[in-house]
Amino acid sequence: MSEPTGKYSITMPRDIAEAAKARSGPSGLSAYVAAAVARQIERDNLNELITVAEAEHGPITDEEIQALRDQLHQAREQQTRGGANAA
């Protein structure tokens, strides 16, 4: 069973609404907007976590960010190679 829903009225620029409507596909504009809002809430929550972590441990350096990006890139490469070898 799906989660309960409510009906809301929102206002947004017409060009954004039309672009969203054009991209919404068969699930419809409401589902498209709900997914976008859910992603924004996730980002807001992550930003709050980052703020708390930086207050406790200090800001992350550019070098640390790059090291983590490198690790992610390597993991993706290994995953891609592993998937290709499995086929």
N, C-alpha and C. Protein backbone atom coordinates (compact mmCIF):
# COMPACT_ATOMS: atom_id res chain seq x y z
N MET A 1 0.84 -1.17 0.00
CA MET A 1 0.00 0.00 0.00
C MET A 1 0.89 1.24 0.00
N SER A 2 0.53 2.26 -0.75
CA SER A 2 1.36 3.46 -0.83
C SER A 2 1.11 4.37 0.37
N GLU A 3 2.03 5.30 0.55
CA GLU A 3 1.92 6.23 1.65
C GLU A 3 0.75 7.18 1.43
N PRO A 4 0.17 7.68 2.53
CA PRO A 4 -0.93 8.64 2.36
C PRO A 4 -0.43 9.91 1.68
N THR A 5 -1.27 10.52 0.93
CA THR A 5 -0.90 11.74 0.21
C THR A 5 -1.83 12.87 0.62
N GLY A 6 -1.42 14.07 0.30
CA GLY A 6 -2.25 15.26 0.50
C GLY A 6 -2.19 16.10 -0.75
N LYS A 7 -3.17 16.95 -0.91
CA LYS A 7 -3.21 17.81 -2.07
C LYS A 7 -2.78 19.21 -1.65
N TYR A 8 -1.81 19.77 -2.40
CA TYR A 8 -1.25 21.08 -2.07
C TYR A 8 -1.24 21.95 -3.30
N SER A 9 -1.31 23.22 -3.09
CA SER A 9 -1.20 24.19 -4.17
C SER A 9 0.16 24.87 -4.04
N ILE A 10 0.94 24.85 -5.11
CA ILE A 10 2.25 25.50 -5.09
C ILE A 10 2.33 26.48 -6.25
N THR A 11 3.23 27.42 -6.12
CA THR A 11 3.46 28.40 -7.18
C THR A 11 4.93 28.30 -7.58
N MET A 12 5.17 28.24 -8.88
CA MET A 12 6.55 28.21 -9.38
C MET A 12 6.58 28.89 -10.73
N PRO A 13 7.77 29.30 -11.17
CA PRO A 13 7.87 29.93 -12.49
C PRO A 13 7.32 29.00 -13.58
N ARG A 14 6.60 29.58 -14.51
CA ARG A 14 5.94 28.81 -15.57
C ARG A 14 6.93 27.97 -16.37
N ASP A 15 8.11 28.52 -16.69
CA ASP A 15 9.07 27.76 -17.50
C ASP A 15 9.55 26.52 -16.75
N ILE A 16 9.75 26.62 -15.45
CA ILE A 16 10.16 25.45 -14.67
C ILE A 16 9.03 24.43 -14.62
N ALA A 17 7.81 24.90 -14.41
CA ALA A 17 6.66 24.00 -14.37
C ALA A 17 6.48 23.27 -15.70
N GLU A 18 6.63 23.98 -16.80
CA GLU A 18 6.47 23.35 -18.12
C GLU A 18 7.59 22.35 -18.39
N ALA A 19 8.81 22.68 -18.01
CA ALA A 19 9.93 21.75 -18.19
C ALA A 19 9.71 20.49 -17.35
N ALA A 20 9.26 20.66 -16.11
CA ALA A 20 8.99 19.52 -15.25
C ALA A 20 7.86 18.66 -15.82
N LYS A 21 6.83 19.31 -16.30
CA LYS A 21 5.70 18.59 -16.88
C LYS A 21 6.14 17.79 -18.11
N ALA A 22 7.01 18.38 -18.92
CA ALA A 22 7.50 17.70 -20.13
C ALA A 22 8.35 16.48 -19.78
N ARG A 23 9.03 16.52 -18.63
CA ARG A 23 9.93 15.43 -18.24
C ARG A 23 9.28 14.42 -17.30
N SER A 24 8.09 14.71 -16.83
CA SER A 24 7.49 13.89 -15.78
C SER A 24 7.10 12.49 -16.24
N GLY A 25 6.86 12.31 -17.52
CA GLY A 25 6.54 10.98 -18.02
C GLY A 25 5.23 10.45 -17.49
N PRO A 26 5.06 9.13 -17.56
CA PRO A 26 3.77 8.53 -17.20
C PRO A 26 3.41 8.65 -15.72
N SER A 27 4.40 8.87 -14.86
CA SER A 27 4.08 8.98 -13.44
C SER A 27 3.42 10.32 -13.11
N GLY A 28 3.58 11.30 -13.97
CA GLY A 28 2.90 12.57 -13.80
C GLY A 28 3.71 13.62 -13.05
N LEU A 29 3.22 14.83 -13.14
CA LEU A 29 3.90 15.98 -12.57
C LEU A 29 3.98 15.89 -11.05
N SER A 30 2.94 15.43 -10.39
CA SER A 30 2.96 15.34 -8.93
C SER A 30 4.09 14.43 -8.45
N ALA A 31 4.24 13.27 -9.07
CA ALA A 31 5.31 12.34 -8.68
C ALA A 31 6.68 12.95 -8.96
N TYR A 32 6.81 13.66 -10.08
CA TYR A 32 8.08 14.29 -10.44
C TYR A 32 8.46 15.34 -9.41
N VAL A 33 7.50 16.18 -9.04
CA VAL A 33 7.76 17.23 -8.06
C VAL A 33 8.04 16.61 -6.69
N ALA A 34 7.29 15.59 -6.30
CA ALA A 34 7.52 14.92 -5.01
C ALA A 34 8.93 14.34 -4.95
N ALA A 35 9.40 13.74 -6.03
CA ALA A 35 10.76 13.18 -6.06
C ALA A 35 11.80 14.29 -5.94
N ALA A 36 11.57 15.41 -6.60
CA ALA A 36 12.50 16.54 -6.52
C ALA A 36 12.56 17.11 -5.11
N VAL A 37 11.41 17.22 -4.47
CA VAL A 37 11.37 17.74 -3.10
C VAL A 37 12.06 16.75 -2.16
N ALA A 38 11.84 15.45 -2.36
CA ALA A 38 12.49 14.44 -1.52
C ALA A 38 14.01 14.53 -1.65
N ARG A 39 14.52 14.73 -2.88
CA ARG A 39 15.96 14.88 -3.08
C ARG A 39 16.48 16.13 -2.37
N GLN A 40 15.71 17.22 -2.42
CA GLN A 40 16.14 18.44 -1.74
C GLN A 40 16.18 18.25 -0.23
N ILE A 41 15.22 17.53 0.32
CA ILE A 41 15.22 17.25 1.75
C ILE A 41 16.45 16.42 2.11
N GLU A 42 16.80 15.43 1.29
CA GLU A 42 18.01 14.64 1.53
C GLU A 42 19.25 15.54 1.53
N ARG A 43 19.33 16.45 0.59
CA ARG A 43 20.47 17.38 0.53
C ARG A 43 20.51 18.27 1.77
N ASP A 44 19.35 18.78 2.17
CA ASP A 44 19.29 19.62 3.36
C ASP A 44 19.76 18.84 4.59
N ASN A 45 19.32 17.59 4.72
CA ASN A 45 19.74 16.75 5.84
C ASN A 45 21.24 16.50 5.81
N LEU A 46 21.79 16.23 4.63
CA LEU A 46 23.24 16.03 4.51
C LEU A 46 24.00 17.30 4.88
N ASN A 47 23.51 18.45 4.44
CA ASN A 47 24.17 19.71 4.79
C ASN A 47 24.16 19.94 6.30
N GLU A 48 23.07 19.56 6.96
CA GLU A 48 23.01 19.68 8.42
C GLU A 48 24.04 18.76 9.07
N LEU A 49 24.17 17.54 8.56
CA LEU A 49 25.17 16.61 9.10
C LEU A 49 26.59 17.14 8.89
N ILE A 50 26.84 17.70 7.73
CA ILE A 50 28.16 18.26 7.44
C ILE A 50 28.46 19.41 8.40
N THR A 51 27.48 20.26 8.64
CA THR A 51 27.67 21.38 9.55
C THR A 51 28.03 20.90 10.96
N VAL A 52 27.31 19.89 11.43
CA VAL A 52 27.58 19.33 12.76
C VAL A 52 28.97 18.70 12.80
N ALA A 53 29.32 17.92 11.77
CA ALA A 53 30.62 17.24 11.72
C ALA A 53 31.75 18.26 11.66
N GLU A 54 31.58 19.31 10.85
CA GLU A 54 32.63 20.32 10.75
C GLU A 54 32.77 21.11 12.05
N ALA A 55 31.67 21.33 12.76
CA ALA A 55 31.75 22.02 14.04
C ALA A 55 32.53 21.19 15.05
N GLU A 56 32.39 19.88 14.95
CA GLU A 56 33.06 18.99 15.89
C GLU A 56 34.50 18.69 15.49
N HIS A 57 34.74 18.51 14.18
CA HIS A 57 36.06 18.04 13.72
C HIS A 57 36.81 19.05 12.86
N GLY A 58 36.20 20.17 12.55
CA GLY A 58 36.82 21.15 11.67
C GLY A 58 36.46 20.86 10.22
N PRO A 59 36.65 21.86 9.37
CA PRO A 59 36.28 21.68 7.96
C PRO A 59 37.17 20.66 7.26
N ILE A 60 36.59 19.99 6.29
CA ILE A 60 37.34 19.02 5.49
C ILE A 60 38.19 19.79 4.48
N THR A 61 39.40 19.33 4.27
CA THR A 61 40.31 20.03 3.37
C THR A 61 40.07 19.60 1.92
N ASP A 62 40.57 20.42 1.00
CA ASP A 62 40.48 20.08 -0.42
C ASP A 62 41.19 18.76 -0.72
N GLU A 63 42.29 18.52 -0.02
CA GLU A 63 43.04 17.28 -0.23
C GLU A 63 42.22 16.07 0.21
N GLU A 64 41.52 16.19 1.33
CA GLU A 64 40.67 15.10 1.80
C GLU A 64 39.52 14.83 0.83
N ILE A 65 38.95 15.90 0.32
CA ILE A 65 37.87 15.76 -0.66
C ILE A 65 38.39 15.04 -1.90
N GLN A 66 39.56 15.45 -2.41
CA GLN A 66 40.11 14.81 -3.60
C GLN A 66 40.44 13.35 -3.34
N ALA A 67 40.97 13.02 -2.16
CA ALA A 67 41.29 11.64 -1.83
C ALA A 67 40.02 10.79 -1.83
N LEU A 68 38.94 11.32 -1.31
CA LEU A 68 37.67 10.58 -1.30
C LEU A 68 37.11 10.43 -2.72
N ARG A 69 37.26 11.47 -3.54
CA ARG A 69 36.82 11.37 -4.94
C ARG A 69 37.62 10.30 -5.68
N ASP A 70 38.93 10.25 -5.41
CA ASP A 70 39.78 9.24 -6.03
C ASP A 70 39.35 7.83 -5.61
N GLN A 71 39.03 7.65 -4.33
CA GLN A 71 38.57 6.34 -3.85
C GLN A 71 37.27 5.95 -4.53
N LEU A 72 36.35 6.91 -4.67
CA LEU A 72 35.08 6.63 -5.32
C LEU A 72 35.29 6.25 -6.78
N HIS A 73 36.17 6.99 -7.45
CA HIS A 73 36.46 6.71 -8.86
C HIS A 73 37.05 5.30 -9.02
N GLN A 74 37.98 4.94 -8.13
CA GLN A 74 38.58 3.60 -8.19
C GLN A 74 37.54 2.52 -7.93
N ALA A 75 36.67 2.74 -6.98
CA ALA A 75 35.62 1.76 -6.66
C ALA A 75 34.68 1.58 -7.85
N ARG A 76 34.35 2.68 -8.52
CA ARG A 76 33.48 2.59 -9.70
C ARG A 76 34.17 1.84 -10.83
N GLU A 77 35.45 2.10 -11.02
CA GLU A 77 36.20 1.39 -12.06
C GLU A 77 36.23 -0.12 -11.76
N GLN A 78 36.48 -0.48 -10.51
CA GLN A 78 36.51 -1.90 -10.13
C GLN A 78 35.14 -2.53 -10.32
N GLN A 79 34.10 -1.80 -9.99
CA GLN A 79 32.74 -2.31 -10.14
C GLN A 79 32.42 -2.53 -11.63
N THR A 80 32.82 -1.58 -12.46
CA THR A 80 32.58 -1.69 -13.90
C THR A 80 33.35 -2.87 -14.48
N ARG A 81 34.61 -3.00 -14.10
CA ARG A 81 35.42 -4.12 -14.59
C ARG A 81 34.86 -5.45 -14.08
N GLY A 82 34.43 -5.48 -12.83
CA GLY A 82 33.87 -6.70 -12.27
C GLY A 82 32.60 -7.12 -12.98
N GLY A 83 31.77 -6.14 -13.34
CA GLY A 83 30.54 -6.44 -14.06
C GLY A 83 30.81 -6.94 -15.47
N ALA A 84 31.84 -6.37 -16.11
CA ALA A 84 32.19 -6.77 -17.46
C ALA A 84 32.77 -8.20 -17.44
N ASN A 85 33.53 -8.52 -16.39
CA ASN A 85 34.13 -9.86 -16.31
C ASN A 85 33.09 -10.92 -16.00
N ALA A 86 32.02 -10.54 -15.34
CA ALA A 86 30.98 -11.51 -14.96
C ALA A 86 30.15 -11.92 -16.16
N ALA A 87 30.11 -11.07 -17.19
CA ALA A 87 29.24 -11.36 -18.34
C ALA A 87 29.80 -12.41 -19.25
